[in-house]
Amino acid sequence: VDRGGPPESSAIVTRGRIKVDAMKAIAKLRDHMLVDGHLYATEIARVAVARGATTLCVEHDTDDVVLTFDGRPLDPAAVARVRDHVLGPELDGDGVALHLLGVGVSAALGLAPAVVDVYVGEGQRCARVRFEPKHVDGDEQTAAPDVERLDRPARSPGLPSPWMRVHVRRRLAFGLLGQALRGAEPKEVSLLLDAT
C-alpha cells in the first residue's frame, strides 16, 4: 500500500488472495452491463463484425428473434464456455468475439426467454449450443451446455457457409401477442436498427 510519501516510506501492509465467485459476478454484471437487456441484439451484431461478416440477417415473429451472419465461425466448444469470457475480453484470437457473445447471450437470458440457441455451421452440418436460464443463474458448479451436432436447419436453405446464428426463443406472453397484433417489431430489433 502506497501511503503517499516518497518511495522509501512505502511499505506492504498485507498480502493475500481474493477469490471471486464468477457466477455471482456474471449475474451482477448482467444486471448492469447494458442499459437495456434488449440491446443484446447489438452485441450479437458486434460479434458478426468481429468475425468479418458481410451479411447480418434479422428475422422475427411473435416469439422468436433470429440473427444469422456469415464470417469466421467460433469454435462450438468455446461457445459452450462463453460465460467464462464475460468478465473481460482477451484481446487476442477469438477473445473479443467470445466476450461480446457472452455479454449478448447473458443479456438475452436476463430477459427470461425460454432458450437462447447459438448455432455454428458449415456446409450441411452445424453445431448447436442451447443456453437456458440455469446457465447464467446457476452457480459455478452448473455445467456448461452441451454441443449438439445437427443437420443444417431445413427452413434455411439460403444460409452462407460458414455461418453463425443466435436464436432467442421468447416465452409467449400477452404482451408479445399484443405486439404481434399491432404489427410492431420486437424492441431488440428496433434498437438494433437504430444503432446501425
Protein backbone atom coordinates (compact mmCIF):
# COMPACT_ATOMS: atom_id res chain seq x y z
CA VAL A 1 0.00 0.00 0.00
CA ASP A 2 1.44 3.35 -1.00
CA ARG A 3 0.90 5.88 1.77
CA GLY A 4 1.65 8.83 -0.49
CA GLY A 5 5.18 9.56 0.70
CA PRO A 6 8.49 9.07 -1.04
CA PRO A 7 9.23 5.52 -2.24
CA GLU A 8 11.45 4.73 0.75
CA SER A 9 8.48 5.26 3.13
CA SER A 10 6.17 2.86 1.26
CA ALA A 11 5.51 -0.45 2.95
CA ILE A 12 3.48 -3.53 2.22
CA VAL A 13 0.82 -3.76 4.89
CA THR A 14 -0.63 -7.14 3.96
CA ARG A 15 -0.66 -9.77 1.24
CA GLY A 16 -3.44 -12.13 0.39
CA ARG A 17 -5.64 -13.63 -2.24
CA ILE A 18 -9.08 -12.61 -3.35
CA LYS A 19 -11.49 -15.27 -4.56
CA VAL A 20 -14.21 -14.09 -6.92
CA ASP A 21 -17.36 -16.15 -7.37
CA ALA A 22 -17.53 -15.90 -11.15
CA MET A 23 -21.21 -16.81 -11.42
CA LYS A 24 -22.27 -14.19 -8.87
CA ALA A 25 -20.10 -11.63 -10.65
CA ILE A 26 -21.69 -12.52 -14.01
CA ALA A 27 -25.19 -12.28 -12.52
CA LYS A 28 -24.44 -8.79 -11.14
CA LEU A 29 -22.72 -7.78 -14.36
CA ARG A 30 -25.71 -8.98 -16.39
CA ASP A 31 -27.93 -6.63 -14.43
CA HIS A 32 -25.64 -3.67 -15.08
CA MET A 33 -23.79 -4.40 -18.33
CA LEU A 34 -26.36 -2.92 -20.65
CA VAL A 35 -28.76 -0.05 -20.04
CA ASP A 36 -31.46 -2.25 -21.54
CA GLY A 37 -31.19 -6.04 -21.87
CA HIS A 38 -32.82 -5.79 -25.28
CA LEU A 39 -29.53 -4.37 -26.53
CA TYR A 40 -28.29 -7.97 -26.69
CA ALA A 41 -29.02 -7.82 -30.43
CA THR A 42 -26.47 -5.03 -30.89
CA GLU A 43 -23.87 -7.16 -29.07
CA ILE A 44 -24.59 -10.05 -31.44
CA ALA A 45 -24.17 -7.63 -34.38
CA ARG A 46 -20.80 -6.66 -32.89
CA VAL A 47 -19.85 -10.37 -32.84
CA ALA A 48 -20.73 -10.52 -36.55
CA VAL A 49 -18.49 -7.53 -37.27
CA ALA A 50 -15.65 -9.01 -35.18
CA ARG A 51 -15.89 -12.23 -37.21
CA GLY A 52 -15.72 -10.41 -40.55
CA ALA A 53 -19.38 -10.86 -41.53
CA THR A 54 -20.59 -9.31 -44.76
CA THR A 55 -24.28 -10.00 -44.04
CA LEU A 56 -26.46 -9.95 -40.93
CA CYS A 57 -29.97 -11.32 -41.45
CA VAL A 58 -32.56 -10.48 -38.77
CA GLU A 59 -35.79 -12.50 -38.66
CA HIS A 60 -38.55 -12.32 -36.08
CA ASP A 61 -42.05 -13.45 -35.31
CA THR A 62 -44.25 -13.45 -32.23
CA ASP A 63 -41.87 -15.43 -30.03
CA ASP A 64 -38.58 -15.67 -31.95
CA VAL A 65 -35.74 -13.32 -32.80
CA VAL A 66 -33.08 -14.86 -35.05
CA LEU A 67 -29.81 -13.21 -36.08
CA THR A 68 -27.76 -15.04 -38.73
CA PHE A 69 -24.43 -13.94 -40.18
CA ASP A 70 -21.53 -15.18 -42.25
CA GLY A 71 -17.85 -14.70 -41.44
CA ARG A 72 -15.40 -16.78 -39.44
CA PRO A 73 -17.37 -19.06 -37.11
CA LEU A 74 -16.33 -19.56 -33.50
CA ASP A 75 -15.42 -22.98 -32.18
CA PRO A 76 -18.61 -24.59 -30.75
CA ALA A 77 -16.73 -25.81 -27.65
CA ALA A 78 -15.64 -22.21 -26.96
CA VAL A 79 -19.24 -21.02 -27.49
CA ALA A 80 -20.39 -23.51 -24.82
CA ARG A 81 -17.93 -21.87 -22.38
CA VAL A 82 -18.85 -18.31 -23.40
CA ARG A 83 -19.81 -17.35 -19.82
CA ASP A 84 -16.11 -17.69 -18.95
CA HIS A 85 -15.39 -14.72 -21.23
CA VAL A 86 -17.98 -12.25 -19.90
CA LEU A 87 -15.85 -10.67 -17.18
CA GLY A 88 -13.14 -9.47 -19.51
CA PRO A 89 -12.15 -9.86 -23.14
CA GLU A 90 -8.86 -11.34 -24.17
CA LEU A 91 -7.56 -9.10 -26.90
CA ASP A 92 -6.07 -11.88 -29.00
CA GLY A 93 -7.56 -14.63 -31.11
CA ASP A 94 -11.27 -15.17 -30.59
CA GLY A 95 -11.37 -13.42 -27.19
CA VAL A 96 -13.15 -10.23 -28.25
CA ALA A 97 -15.88 -12.09 -30.15
CA LEU A 98 -16.35 -14.54 -27.26
CA HIS A 99 -16.64 -11.64 -24.82
CA LEU A 100 -19.24 -9.87 -26.98
CA LEU A 101 -21.15 -13.13 -27.46
CA GLY A 102 -21.03 -13.77 -23.72
CA VAL A 103 -22.43 -10.32 -22.98
CA GLY A 104 -25.13 -10.74 -25.65
CA VAL A 105 -26.20 -14.21 -24.54
CA SER A 106 -26.16 -13.21 -20.85
CA ALA A 107 -28.25 -10.10 -21.57
CA ALA A 108 -30.72 -12.13 -23.64
CA LEU A 109 -31.01 -14.67 -20.81
CA GLY A 110 -31.69 -11.78 -18.45
CA LEU A 111 -34.93 -11.16 -20.38
CA ALA A 112 -36.16 -14.63 -19.27
CA PRO A 113 -36.57 -16.30 -22.67
CA ALA A 114 -37.33 -20.00 -22.99
CA VAL A 115 -33.87 -20.64 -24.54
CA VAL A 116 -31.06 -18.96 -26.43
CA ASP A 117 -29.59 -21.22 -29.13
CA VAL A 118 -26.24 -20.42 -30.72
CA TYR A 119 -25.57 -22.29 -33.97
CA VAL A 120 -22.24 -22.63 -35.75
CA GLY A 121 -22.50 -24.14 -39.21
CA GLU A 122 -20.60 -25.02 -42.32
CA GLY A 123 -21.95 -26.89 -45.32
CA GLN A 124 -24.86 -29.18 -44.45
CA ARG A 125 -23.87 -29.67 -40.80
CA CYS A 126 -23.97 -27.42 -37.76
CA ALA A 127 -23.46 -27.44 -34.02
CA ARG A 128 -25.98 -26.02 -31.56
CA VAL A 129 -25.29 -24.79 -28.05
CA ARG A 130 -28.52 -24.30 -26.07
CA PHE A 131 -28.38 -21.80 -23.22
CA GLU A 132 -31.11 -21.88 -20.60
CA PRO A 133 -31.58 -19.54 -17.64
CA LYS A 134 -29.78 -22.07 -15.41
CA HIS A 135 -26.56 -21.38 -17.34
CA VAL A 136 -26.47 -17.84 -16.02
CA ASP A 137 -28.50 -18.10 -12.83
CA GLY A 138 -26.72 -21.27 -11.67
CA ASP A 139 -23.59 -21.43 -9.57
CA GLU A 140 -20.04 -22.29 -10.61
CA GLN A 141 -20.94 -25.98 -10.49
CA THR A 142 -23.57 -25.63 -13.24
CA ALA A 143 -22.14 -27.45 -16.21
CA ALA A 144 -21.64 -25.66 -19.49
CA PRO A 145 -24.28 -26.55 -22.07
CA ASP A 146 -23.64 -29.45 -24.41
CA VAL A 147 -22.64 -29.05 -28.03
CA GLU A 148 -25.15 -30.88 -30.23
CA ARG A 149 -24.29 -31.86 -33.80
CA LEU A 150 -27.21 -31.35 -36.20
CA ASP A 151 -28.10 -31.03 -39.87
CA ARG A 152 -28.50 -27.56 -41.34
CA PRO A 153 -31.93 -26.17 -40.37
CA ALA A 154 -34.44 -27.16 -43.06
CA ARG A 155 -36.11 -23.74 -43.24
CA SER A 156 -32.81 -22.01 -44.01
CA PRO A 157 -31.71 -23.20 -47.47
CA GLY A 158 -30.00 -19.92 -48.36
CA LEU A 159 -27.52 -19.86 -45.48
CA PRO A 160 -24.00 -18.82 -46.37
CA SER A 161 -21.17 -21.19 -45.49
CA PRO A 162 -19.74 -20.88 -42.91
CA TRP A 163 -22.37 -19.18 -40.73
CA MET A 164 -23.44 -18.46 -37.17
CA ARG A 165 -26.91 -17.91 -35.77
CA VAL A 166 -28.27 -16.71 -32.44
CA HIS A 167 -31.91 -17.69 -31.92
CA VAL A 168 -33.73 -16.23 -28.92
CA ARG A 169 -36.99 -18.06 -28.27
CA ARG A 170 -39.09 -15.81 -26.10
CA ARG A 171 -41.76 -17.13 -23.76
CA LEU A 172 -45.18 -16.49 -25.22
CA ALA A 173 -47.00 -13.86 -23.14
CA PHE A 174 -49.93 -11.47 -23.56
CA GLY A 175 -47.56 -8.56 -24.21
CA LEU A 176 -45.98 -10.42 -27.12
CA LEU A 177 -49.37 -11.31 -28.57
CA GLY A 178 -50.48 -7.68 -28.36
CA GLN A 179 -47.24 -6.60 -30.05
CA ALA A 180 -47.85 -9.14 -32.84
CA LEU A 181 -51.43 -7.96 -33.34
CA ARG A 182 -50.24 -4.36 -33.65
CA GLY A 183 -47.60 -5.47 -36.16
CA ALA A 184 -44.84 -3.97 -34.01
CA GLU A 185 -41.31 -5.30 -34.28
CA PRO A 186 -39.57 -6.60 -31.16
CA LYS A 187 -37.80 -3.99 -29.08
CA GLU A 188 -34.40 -5.60 -29.65
CA VAL A 189 -34.87 -5.34 -33.41
CA SER A 190 -35.85 -1.65 -33.15
CA LEU A 191 -32.79 -0.94 -31.00
CA LEU A 192 -30.53 -2.77 -33.46
CA LEU A 193 -31.97 -0.82 -36.41
CA ASP A 194 -31.47 2.45 -34.51
CA ALA A 195 -27.83 1.52 -33.88
CA THR A 196 -27.00 0.72 -37.49
